[in-house]
Protein backbone atom coordinates (compact mmCIF):
# COMPACT_ATOMS: atom_id res chain seq x y z
CA MET A 1 101.01 130.52 189.06
CA LEU A 2 102.95 127.39 190.19
CA THR A 3 100.68 125.98 192.46
CA ARG A 4 100.93 123.87 196.10
CA ARG A 5 100.92 120.63 193.81
CA ASP A 6 103.72 121.26 191.73
CA ALA A 7 106.07 122.70 194.72
CA LEU A 8 105.39 119.31 196.60
CA LYS A 9 106.18 118.08 193.32
CA LYS A 10 109.45 119.59 193.18
CA GLY A 11 110.31 118.73 196.71
CA ALA A 12 109.35 115.31 196.22
CA LEU A 13 112.06 114.70 193.77
CA ALA A 14 114.31 116.36 195.25
CA ALA A 15 114.02 114.07 197.91
CA ALA A 16 114.19 110.94 195.37
CA LEU A 17 117.49 112.47 194.49
CA LEU A 18 118.75 112.84 197.61
CA GLY A 19 117.62 109.44 198.77
CA SER A 20 119.86 107.86 196.09
CA GLY A 21 122.92 109.12 198.23
CA GLY A 22 121.87 108.05 201.56
CA LEU A 23 118.59 109.59 202.74
CA MET A 24 116.96 107.13 203.84
CA ALA A 25 119.98 105.90 206.45
CA GLN A 26 119.44 105.61 209.98
CA ALA A 27 119.25 109.41 210.94
CA PRO A 28 121.58 109.76 214.27
CA ARG A 29 120.15 110.12 217.63
CA THR A 30 121.20 113.73 218.23
CA PRO A 31 119.40 116.17 216.66
CA LEU A 32 121.34 118.54 214.21
CA GLN A 33 121.78 121.42 215.89
CA ILE A 34 121.66 125.37 214.56
CA VAL A 35 123.69 127.85 216.45
CA GLY A 36 123.34 131.32 215.26
CA PRO A 37 123.63 135.10 217.14
CA TRP A 38 119.71 135.72 216.65
CA GLU A 39 118.09 135.45 220.10
CA ILE A 40 114.43 134.46 220.86
CA GLY A 41 113.35 138.24 222.13
CA GLY A 42 110.14 137.12 223.21
CA LEU A 43 106.99 134.77 221.48
CA ALA A 44 105.26 137.90 219.70
CA PRO A 45 105.59 137.23 215.67
CA THR A 46 106.69 141.02 215.31
CA ASN A 47 109.75 139.97 217.66
CA SER A 48 110.54 136.79 216.51
CA GLY A 49 108.69 135.36 214.15
CA PHE A 50 111.83 134.11 212.09
CA VAL A 51 112.91 132.11 214.66
CA PHE A 52 109.77 130.06 214.02
CA THR A 53 109.41 130.22 210.40
CA ARG A 54 113.01 129.81 209.52
CA LEU A 55 112.96 126.25 211.33
CA GLN A 56 109.93 125.46 209.67
CA VAL A 57 107.99 125.29 212.69
CA THR A 58 105.19 128.39 211.88
CA GLU A 59 103.75 129.12 207.73
CA THR A 60 102.47 131.92 206.40
CA LEU A 61 100.25 132.38 203.57
CA LEU A 62 102.49 132.55 200.81
CA ASN A 63 106.00 131.75 200.64
CA ALA A 64 108.63 132.78 197.80
CA GLN A 65 110.76 131.69 195.31
CA ASP A 66 114.57 132.90 195.83
CA ASP A 67 113.51 135.97 193.38
CA GLY A 68 110.59 137.22 195.67
CA THR A 69 107.77 135.36 193.21
CA PRO A 70 105.11 133.85 195.34
CA LEU A 71 104.62 130.97 196.31
CA PRO A 72 101.81 128.67 197.74
CA GLY A 73 102.19 128.09 201.25
CA LEU A 74 99.45 127.83 203.80
CA ALA A 75 97.24 129.63 201.18
CA GLU A 76 97.60 126.66 198.36
CA ARG A 77 95.55 129.20 195.49
CA TRP A 78 94.97 133.18 195.34
CA ASN A 79 93.54 135.75 193.57
CA ARG A 80 92.91 139.51 192.84
CA SER A 81 90.07 141.27 191.89
CA ALA A 82 89.84 143.26 188.83
CA ASP A 83 90.35 146.29 190.32
CA GLY A 84 92.99 145.63 192.57
CA LEU A 85 91.04 146.12 195.84
CA SER A 86 90.05 142.46 196.84
CA TRP A 87 92.27 139.29 197.18
CA ARG A 88 91.26 136.02 198.23
CA PHE A 89 93.32 133.12 199.16
CA THR A 90 92.16 129.58 199.71
CA LEU A 91 93.72 127.57 202.55
CA ARG A 92 95.01 123.91 202.40
CA PRO A 93 92.01 121.86 203.29
CA SER A 94 94.23 119.10 204.89
CA ALA A 95 96.53 121.66 206.69
CA ARG A 96 96.79 121.12 210.65
CA PHE A 97 98.12 122.68 213.94
CA HIS A 98 100.19 120.73 216.19
CA ASP A 99 97.72 120.89 218.77
CA GLY A 100 95.24 119.13 216.00
CA SER A 101 93.16 121.50 215.51
CA PRO A 102 92.69 122.37 212.06
CA VAL A 103 93.55 125.61 210.30
CA THR A 104 91.02 127.45 209.61
CA ALA A 105 90.20 131.15 208.31
CA ALA A 106 89.09 132.04 211.27
CA ALA A 107 92.41 131.96 213.04
CA ALA A 108 94.39 132.90 209.83
CA VAL A 109 92.66 135.87 210.07
CA ARG A 110 93.46 136.44 214.16
CA CYS A 111 96.74 136.53 213.41
CA LEU A 112 96.10 138.94 210.59
CA GLU A 113 94.93 141.26 212.49
CA ALA A 114 97.52 141.27 214.80
CA ALA A 115 100.03 141.92 212.11
CA ARG A 116 98.20 145.12 211.20
CA VAL A 117 100.14 146.83 214.84
CA ALA A 118 102.48 148.99 213.90
CA PRO A 119 105.34 148.48 213.93
CA ALA A 120 104.45 145.50 212.49
CA LEU A 121 105.50 145.24 208.80
CA LEU A 122 101.56 144.75 207.61
CA SER A 123 100.26 148.63 209.25
CA LEU A 124 101.71 149.76 206.19
CA ALA A 125 99.23 148.09 203.86
CA PRO A 126 95.84 149.93 203.20
CA ILE A 127 93.77 147.30 204.47
CA ARG A 128 90.46 148.25 204.96
CA LEU A 129 89.02 145.08 206.29
CA ILE A 130 90.15 141.32 206.75
CA GLU A 131 87.28 138.47 207.28
CA THR A 132 86.99 134.87 206.38
CA GLU A 133 85.03 133.57 203.48
CA GLY A 134 83.67 130.08 204.86
CA ALA A 135 85.99 128.07 206.63
CA SER A 136 88.95 128.38 204.62
CA THR A 137 88.86 131.02 202.87
CA ILE A 138 90.54 134.61 203.53
CA VAL A 139 88.93 137.66 201.86
CA ILE A 140 91.64 141.46 202.73
CA ARG A 141 89.68 144.15 201.33
CA LEU A 142 92.01 147.19 200.23
CA ARG A 143 91.37 150.69 199.91
CA GLU A 144 93.74 151.05 197.16
CA PRO A 145 95.42 148.54 195.21
CA ASN A 146 98.71 146.93 196.82
CA ALA A 147 101.10 145.28 194.11
CA SER A 148 103.25 144.62 197.13
CA LEU A 149 100.42 142.60 199.50
CA PRO A 150 101.78 138.82 198.00
CA ALA A 151 104.98 139.66 199.59
CA MET A 152 104.12 141.17 202.88
CA LEU A 153 102.08 137.98 203.56
CA ALA A 154 104.92 136.25 203.22
CA HIS A 155 107.17 138.02 206.01
CA SER A 156 107.65 136.34 209.39
CA SER A 157 105.59 138.63 210.95
CA THR A 158 102.15 137.22 209.20
CA MET A 159 102.84 133.35 210.35
CA VAL A 160 99.39 131.86 211.28
CA ILE A 161 99.33 129.88 215.34
CA ALA A 162 97.02 128.12 216.77
CA PRO A 163 94.08 130.01 218.91
CA ALA A 164 95.54 127.91 221.69
CA SER A 165 98.51 129.93 221.15
CA TYR A 166 97.24 132.84 222.81
CA GLY A 167 96.66 133.37 226.33
CA VAL A 168 93.36 134.92 227.93
CA ASP A 169 95.03 138.30 227.18
CA GLY A 170 95.09 137.76 223.78
CA SER A 171 99.21 138.03 224.38
CA VAL A 172 101.23 134.64 222.44
CA ARG A 173 101.70 132.10 225.13
CA SER A 174 102.92 129.39 223.17
CA ILE A 175 103.97 129.21 218.98
CA ILE A 176 101.72 126.28 217.87
CA GLY A 177 102.04 126.16 214.13
CA SER A 178 101.15 124.02 211.28
CA GLY A 179 104.90 123.49 210.05
CA PRO A 180 106.89 120.12 209.43
CA TYR A 181 108.29 120.80 212.72
CA ARG A 182 106.56 121.35 216.47
CA ILE A 183 108.15 122.31 218.77
CA THR A 184 109.24 120.36 222.16
CA GLN A 185 111.66 122.78 224.23
CA LEU A 186 111.55 126.28 223.81
CA THR A 187 113.54 128.11 226.56
CA PRO A 188 114.19 131.90 225.64
CA PRO A 189 116.29 133.48 224.64
CA GLN A 190 118.54 130.93 223.88
CA LEU A 191 117.09 127.73 222.78
CA VAL A 192 114.51 125.61 220.74
CA GLU A 193 114.10 122.41 220.11
CA CYS A 194 111.92 120.87 217.58
CA ALA A 195 110.93 117.58 216.16
CA VAL A 196 108.54 115.94 212.92
CA PHE A 197 105.09 116.83 213.18
CA ASP A 198 103.17 113.56 212.00
CA GLY A 199 100.34 115.54 211.04
CA TYR A 200 101.98 117.68 208.38
CA ASP A 201 99.99 117.70 204.97
CA GLY A 202 103.26 117.89 202.94
CA PRO A 203 106.21 115.14 202.51
CA LYS A 204 107.78 113.92 205.57
CA PRO A 205 111.62 115.22 206.69
CA ALA A 206 114.66 112.95 206.82
CA ILE A 207 116.00 114.92 209.70
CA ASP A 208 113.53 114.08 212.67
CA ARG A 209 115.06 116.59 215.43
CA VAL A 210 116.33 119.97 215.54
CA ARG A 211 118.40 122.16 218.14
CA TYR A 212 118.84 126.23 217.84
CA LEU A 213 120.87 127.74 220.40
CA ALA A 214 121.76 131.55 220.11
CA ALA A 215 125.09 132.20 221.00
CA GLY A 216 126.55 135.51 221.32
CA ARG A 217 130.02 135.65 220.14
CA ALA A 218 131.32 134.41 217.09
CA GLU A 219 134.18 133.03 218.69
CA THR A 220 131.81 130.36 220.23
CA ARG A 221 130.12 129.73 217.47
CA ALA A 222 133.23 128.89 215.33
CA LEU A 223 134.45 126.69 218.24
CA MET A 224 131.01 124.74 218.28
CA ALA A 225 131.51 123.86 214.75
CA GLU A 226 134.88 122.91 214.86
CA SER A 227 134.50 120.57 217.60
CA GLY A 228 131.26 118.95 216.07
CA GLN A 229 128.52 120.53 218.37
CA ALA A 230 127.40 122.57 215.54
CA ASP A 231 125.81 121.07 212.39
CA LEU A 232 125.27 124.57 211.19
CA ALA A 233 126.86 127.75 212.60
CA PHE A 234 125.78 130.67 211.00
CA GLY A 235 127.58 134.55 211.70
CA LEU A 236 131.10 133.59 212.07
CA ASP A 237 133.45 136.62 212.23
CA PRO A 238 135.71 136.58 209.12
CA ALA A 239 139.09 135.39 211.12
CA SER A 240 137.25 132.52 212.22
CA LEU A 241 136.09 131.42 208.38
CA VAL A 242 139.73 131.62 207.25
CA ARG A 243 140.49 128.90 210.00
CA LEU A 244 137.50 126.68 209.56
CA ARG A 245 138.35 126.72 205.93
CA GLY A 246 141.17 124.46 206.92
CA LYS A 247 139.11 121.79 208.63
CA ARG A 248 138.56 118.39 207.21
CA ASN A 249 135.19 117.89 209.12
CA LEU A 250 133.74 121.14 207.61
CA THR A 251 133.22 122.88 204.74
CA ILE A 252 131.99 126.37 204.72
CA VAL A 253 128.79 127.13 202.13
CA SER A 254 128.52 131.35 201.07
CA ILE A 255 125.30 133.03 198.96
CA THR A 256 125.43 136.94 198.26
CA LEU A 257 122.65 138.50 200.33
CA PRO A 258 120.47 141.32 199.47
CA ARG A 259 121.55 142.40 202.67
CA SER A 260 123.80 146.15 203.31
CA VAL A 261 125.79 147.10 206.21
CA ILE A 262 124.29 150.35 206.48
CA LEU A 263 125.33 153.62 209.27
CA LYS A 264 121.80 155.07 209.79
CA VAL A 265 121.94 159.01 210.38
CA ASN A 266 120.03 161.03 212.45
CA ALA A 267 119.64 163.87 210.04
CA GLY A 268 117.62 165.72 211.91
CA LEU A 269 120.27 166.84 214.52
CA PRO A 270 121.77 170.18 213.56
CA ALA A 271 125.13 168.80 213.02
CA LEU A 272 123.79 166.12 210.30
CA THR A 273 120.90 168.34 208.45
CA ASP A 274 123.70 169.28 205.61
CA VAL A 275 123.62 167.22 203.04
CA ARG A 276 127.14 168.49 203.21
CA VAL A 277 127.88 166.97 206.18
CA ARG A 278 126.40 163.37 205.32
CA GLN A 279 128.61 163.16 201.84
CA ALA A 280 131.34 163.83 204.21
CA LEU A 281 130.89 161.08 206.60
CA SER A 282 130.61 158.96 203.18
CA HIS A 283 133.54 160.36 201.93
CA ALA A 284 135.69 159.68 204.90
CA ILE A 285 134.96 156.05 204.50
CA ASP A 286 137.55 153.54 203.03
CA ARG A 287 135.10 150.76 201.97
CA GLY A 288 137.68 148.68 200.00
CA GLY A 289 140.12 149.05 202.93
CA ILE A 290 137.15 147.70 205.24
CA ALA A 291 136.08 145.01 202.51
CA LYS A 292 139.62 143.77 202.32
CA ALA A 293 141.31 143.56 205.36
CA LEU A 294 138.15 143.38 207.75
CA LEU A 295 135.86 141.25 206.11
CA ARG A 296 138.24 139.72 203.95
CA ASP A 297 136.54 139.76 200.45
CA PRO A 298 136.88 143.04 198.52
CA GLU A 299 134.13 142.48 195.97
CA LEU A 300 131.75 143.55 199.22
CA ALA A 301 133.02 146.99 199.00
CA ALA A 302 129.23 149.12 198.62
CA THR A 303 129.70 151.33 195.19
CA GLN A 304 125.56 151.94 196.49
CA LEU A 305 122.76 150.42 198.80
CA PHE A 306 121.36 147.93 196.97
CA ALA A 307 123.98 144.90 196.07
CA PRO A 308 124.19 143.62 192.63
CA SER A 309 122.00 140.33 194.00
CA LEU A 310 119.04 142.99 193.57
CA LYS A 311 119.27 143.44 190.43
CA ALA A 312 116.06 145.47 189.77
CA TRP A 313 117.01 147.98 192.17
CA HIS A 314 120.74 148.26 191.76
CA ASN A 315 121.26 151.13 189.45
CA THR A 316 124.14 150.63 187.47
CA ALA A 317 124.00 154.47 185.90
CA LEU A 318 124.94 155.97 189.44
CA PRO A 319 128.49 157.17 190.19
CA ALA A 320 130.44 154.98 192.94
CA LEU A 321 130.42 155.49 196.37
CA SER A 322 133.87 156.87 196.97
CA PHE A 323 136.90 157.16 198.86
CA ASP A 324 137.58 160.64 199.39
CA ALA A 325 139.07 162.23 202.43
CA VAL A 326 140.05 165.37 200.77
CA ARG A 327 136.92 166.11 199.25
CA ALA A 328 135.53 164.91 203.21
CA LYS A 329 136.93 167.87 204.69
CA ALA A 330 136.22 169.81 201.61
CA LEU A 331 132.80 169.41 202.32
CA LEU A 332 132.75 169.91 205.98
CA ALA A 333 134.68 173.35 205.56
CA GLU A 334 131.88 174.31 203.40
CA ALA A 335 129.50 173.08 205.65
CA GLY A 336 131.33 175.70 208.62
CA TRP A 337 133.07 172.98 209.97
CA LYS A 338 136.23 174.74 210.99
CA ARG A 339 139.40 172.37 212.20
CA ALA A 340 140.32 173.47 215.90
CA ALA A 341 143.28 171.31 218.00
CA ASP A 342 140.47 168.76 219.19
CA GLY A 343 138.69 168.75 216.03
CA LEU A 344 135.84 170.09 214.62
CA ARG A 345 133.63 173.12 216.07
CA ASP A 346 131.52 175.43 214.18
CA ALA A 347 130.96 178.97 214.63
CA LYS A 348 129.88 179.03 217.81
CA GLY A 349 132.38 176.58 218.96
CA GLN A 350 130.53 173.42 219.44
CA SER A 351 132.57 170.90 218.89
CA PHE A 352 131.08 168.23 216.12
CA ALA A 353 131.22 165.05 218.34
CA LEU A 354 129.19 161.76 217.93
CA LYS A 355 127.87 158.83 219.06
CA LEU A 356 127.76 155.21 217.12
CA ARG A 357 125.66 152.73 218.06
CA THR A 358 125.78 149.09 216.82
CA PHE A 359 125.72 145.65 218.57
CA PRO A 360 127.32 142.13 217.97
CA ASP A 361 124.72 140.06 216.23
CA ARG A 362 126.40 140.24 213.44
CA PRO A 363 130.39 139.90 214.08
CA GLU A 364 131.74 142.16 211.78
CA LEU A 365 129.94 145.18 212.76
CA PRO A 366 132.21 146.57 215.82
CA ILE A 367 134.87 146.06 214.35
CA ILE A 368 134.00 148.09 211.10
CA ALA A 369 132.47 150.76 213.91
CA THR A 370 136.33 150.26 215.17
CA ALA A 371 137.76 151.43 211.41
CA LEU A 372 134.58 154.34 211.19
CA GLN A 373 135.56 155.64 213.96
CA ALA A 374 139.50 156.15 213.15
CA GLN A 375 138.57 157.37 209.42
CA TRP A 376 136.38 160.19 210.59
CA ARG A 377 139.08 161.08 213.43
CA GLU A 378 141.17 161.71 209.98
CA ILE A 379 139.12 164.76 209.20
CA GLY A 380 138.12 166.18 212.69
CA ILE A 381 135.17 164.35 213.93
CA ASN A 382 134.96 162.35 217.37
CA VAL A 383 132.82 159.43 217.14
CA GLN A 384 132.12 157.71 220.67
CA VAL A 385 131.47 153.80 219.89
CA SER A 386 128.48 151.76 221.96
CA VAL A 387 128.25 148.04 220.98
CA GLY A 388 125.44 146.99 222.91
CA ASN A 389 122.40 144.85 221.19
CA SER A 390 120.33 145.53 218.61
CA GLY A 391 117.24 146.73 220.41
CA ASP A 392 119.42 150.03 220.95
CA ILE A 393 119.17 151.49 217.36
CA PRO A 394 115.08 151.06 217.03
CA LEU A 395 114.81 152.31 220.72
CA GLY A 396 117.24 155.17 219.82
CA HIS A 397 115.09 155.67 216.35
CA ARG A 398 112.12 156.19 218.51
CA ASP A 399 112.95 157.93 222.18
CA GLY A 400 115.07 160.29 219.44
CA SER A 401 118.74 159.69 221.00
CA LEU A 402 120.00 158.24 218.13
CA GLN A 403 123.34 159.77 216.56
CA LEU A 404 124.33 157.02 214.38
CA GLY A 405 123.50 153.65 213.93
CA LEU A 406 125.49 150.86 212.52
CA ALA A 407 123.47 147.53 211.11
CA ALA A 408 122.95 145.09 208.55
CA ARG A 409 119.78 145.03 206.88
CA ASN A 410 118.07 142.70 204.64
CA TYR A 411 116.42 144.40 201.35
CA GLY A 412 114.99 141.26 200.90
CA ASN A 413 113.63 140.16 204.23
CA VAL A 414 110.15 141.29 202.53
CA PRO A 415 110.41 139.38 199.34
CA ASP A 416 109.46 142.63 196.77
CA PRO A 417 112.15 144.90 198.74
CA THR A 418 109.34 147.88 198.08
CA GLY A 419 107.76 146.78 201.73
CA THR A 420 111.12 147.11 203.83
CA LEU A 421 111.81 150.63 202.19
CA LEU A 422 108.44 151.67 203.14
CA GLN A 423 109.44 150.75 206.61
CA ASP A 424 112.71 152.19 206.12
CA PHE A 425 111.95 155.78 204.22
CA GLY A 426 108.07 156.06 204.90
CA PRO A 427 106.00 159.11 207.00
CA GLY A 428 108.50 158.88 209.59
CA GLY A 429 111.38 156.69 208.54
CA GLY A 430 112.01 153.29 210.25
CA ASP A 431 113.75 151.64 213.38
CA PHE A 432 116.72 151.01 210.56
CA GLY A 433 116.04 153.55 207.98
CA ALA A 434 115.81 157.02 208.02
CA MET A 435 115.38 159.80 211.23
CA GLY A 436 114.60 163.29 211.03
CA TRP A 437 114.62 162.85 206.73
CA SER A 438 112.34 162.38 204.14
CA SER A 439 111.39 162.79 200.17
CA GLU A 440 108.08 164.07 198.20
CA PRO A 441 109.80 162.29 195.41
CA LEU A 442 110.96 159.58 196.80
CA GLY A 443 107.58 158.79 199.01
CA ARG A 444 105.49 159.10 195.77
CA ALA A 445 107.90 156.75 193.88
CA LEU A 446 107.57 153.88 196.72
CA SER A 447 103.25 154.75 196.30
CA GLU A 448 103.52 153.59 193.30
CA LEU A 449 105.37 150.74 193.54
CA LYS A 450 103.25 149.52 196.37
CA ARG A 451 99.75 150.36 194.20
CA GLY A 452 101.45 148.55 191.39
CA ASP A 453 98.83 150.06 188.97
CA VAL A 454 101.08 151.74 186.55
CA SER A 455 103.17 150.41 183.69
CA ALA A 456 106.26 147.81 184.08
CA GLU A 457 108.57 150.56 182.39
CA LYS A 458 107.02 152.79 185.08
CA LEU A 459 108.10 150.71 187.81
CA ALA A 460 111.51 150.17 186.97
CA ALA A 461 112.35 154.16 186.39
CA ASN A 462 110.70 154.24 190.23
CA ARG A 463 113.08 151.86 191.62
CA LEU A 464 115.90 153.19 190.27
CA GLU A 465 114.67 157.11 190.96
CA ILE A 466 114.74 155.53 194.14
CA ALA A 467 118.57 154.19 194.65
CA ARG A 468 119.33 157.44 192.88
CA ILE A 469 117.82 160.20 195.37
CA LEU A 470 119.05 157.70 198.39
CA GLN A 471 122.79 158.11 196.90
CA ALA A 472 122.27 161.52 196.66
CA GLU A 473 120.61 162.19 200.10
CA LEU A 474 122.31 159.67 201.93
CA PRO A 475 119.58 159.17 205.15
CA VAL A 476 121.43 156.15 205.02
CA ILE A 477 125.45 155.84 204.30
CA PRO A 478 126.13 152.21 202.32
CA ILE A 479 129.23 150.24 203.98
CA SER A 480 129.41 147.15 202.61
CA TRP A 481 127.26 144.44 201.08
CA TYR A 482 126.73 140.97 202.85
CA ARG A 483 127.72 137.23 202.08
CA GLN A 484 126.46 134.71 204.06
CA GLN A 485 128.92 132.20 204.94
CA VAL A 486 127.95 128.83 206.93
CA ALA A 487 130.21 126.27 208.46
CA LEU A 488 128.77 123.11 207.64
CA SER A 489 129.38 119.25 209.19
CA SER A 490 130.10 116.78 207.06
CA ARG A 491 127.36 114.13 208.99
CA ILE A 492 124.40 116.43 207.01
CA ARG A 493 123.65 116.52 202.85
CA GLY A 494 121.21 118.74 201.01
CA VAL A 495 121.90 122.00 202.64
CA SER A 496 121.18 125.27 200.31
CA LEU A 497 121.08 128.89 201.98
CA ASP A 498 118.05 131.14 201.15
CA PRO A 499 118.98 134.49 200.12
CA LEU A 500 116.12 135.97 201.74
CA GLU A 501 116.74 134.07 205.17
CA ARG A 502 112.85 132.57 205.56
CA SER A 503 113.87 129.31 205.85
CA TYR A 504 117.24 127.41 206.85
CA ARG A 505 115.40 124.87 204.37
CA LEU A 506 115.69 121.80 206.54
CA THR A 507 113.30 119.64 204.96
CA GLN A 508 115.60 119.50 202.00
CA MET A 509 118.45 117.67 204.18
CA SER A 510 119.40 115.06 205.21
CA TRP A 511 122.01 112.59 207.14
CA ARG A 512 125.36 111.23 205.52
CA GLY A 513 125.35 107.88 205.41
């Protein structure tokens, strides 16, 4: 197990190497400016915890390497009992909250208890009890073994904040974390400013101030990067990326994420219950054309749900999802849909008309939605596209009104994808997963992965079986894989992108010159 001391040594070494190229140079007076599409949707960790963990304002008990391997976070060490039912996490003794108070086991337990309330991720863990053992040890007792627990404790919804963050009613009123940066200004839903926290018990960052701005339009974010108003610009549209690559003051850095653009299907609707109809929707999609013409990256056409970057989950034995309009029409005919002048109709004369919801936070989604609308029209399916906000899809799942939803889902959002898949394909489905669909074999495979009490060979087989079932049944339909591309100002150095999207890695950055 890599200890926190080892991790800090590695960080110090990286800082020393950067220092030889200007780490200790005088920093500009302006803060490092980050612009992205993600709004601050309230202070509750389940809503916007990712904003504060990415800015390294708050910490979770555990961190994760790029491949998901657990790393120390607020907990400097941990262990599991022989029966897998008890986990102990020992906190860093010198960790302090930004108000100067010590990070205690009691403070962490309060946050973890809040994170157990559905739909928060930790509500899926079979936790019997969370308790303290002295001032610095947290004990989590389970009803059954859960190998995914360390990954869940690296998720932003489990971030630990100071007791003073809570109001008398128990709601979060401010964000008082323990990370290397503290909040100096917070104006939801758009703005948060941070400064270095001098009481942090790790290396001091080279960049002393950071500003994050949520800007809804991709064109705005691109213009901010082009004009020098943004040092890091996330969520850029393909057309802007082509233009920005020609700018001398910018560099485009990219990384393939374990994220897929998916079509969430309400399989509970009469028109979509038949798997042949879902397969027809899939066959009508020209993924190669979308990837090449719209995303400007042919390699992103999804052949299955899990991208090759998720090596343990990408099933190379699966037949690739294909574009075959003739097959799509045949499947619809087999399912009882007949072509009429205005599109498809069933035996009772009901037209095949659907509504697709999506949102502009990911700038490629609305243009992909328009392409899907046109491609489905070719096989007789009329689809109305509605571009709203990212909350419309979860809301539609919960009230039953959603028919189709186009979204981008990061299956590495929890370092072990099992946690995300439990959210999406467990009983009742999930906001960005199954709706009106379930599978007992898939549920059994997920349960074994969650417990982790079978052989490594069986765990590997379960991952591939889950990929196979999802490919056959299509409760969500993969469209494309995802590459994060960021416009980077020439003012900064030491930028690396986190494939798990947990952190901006600000402490690795420094000013140039």
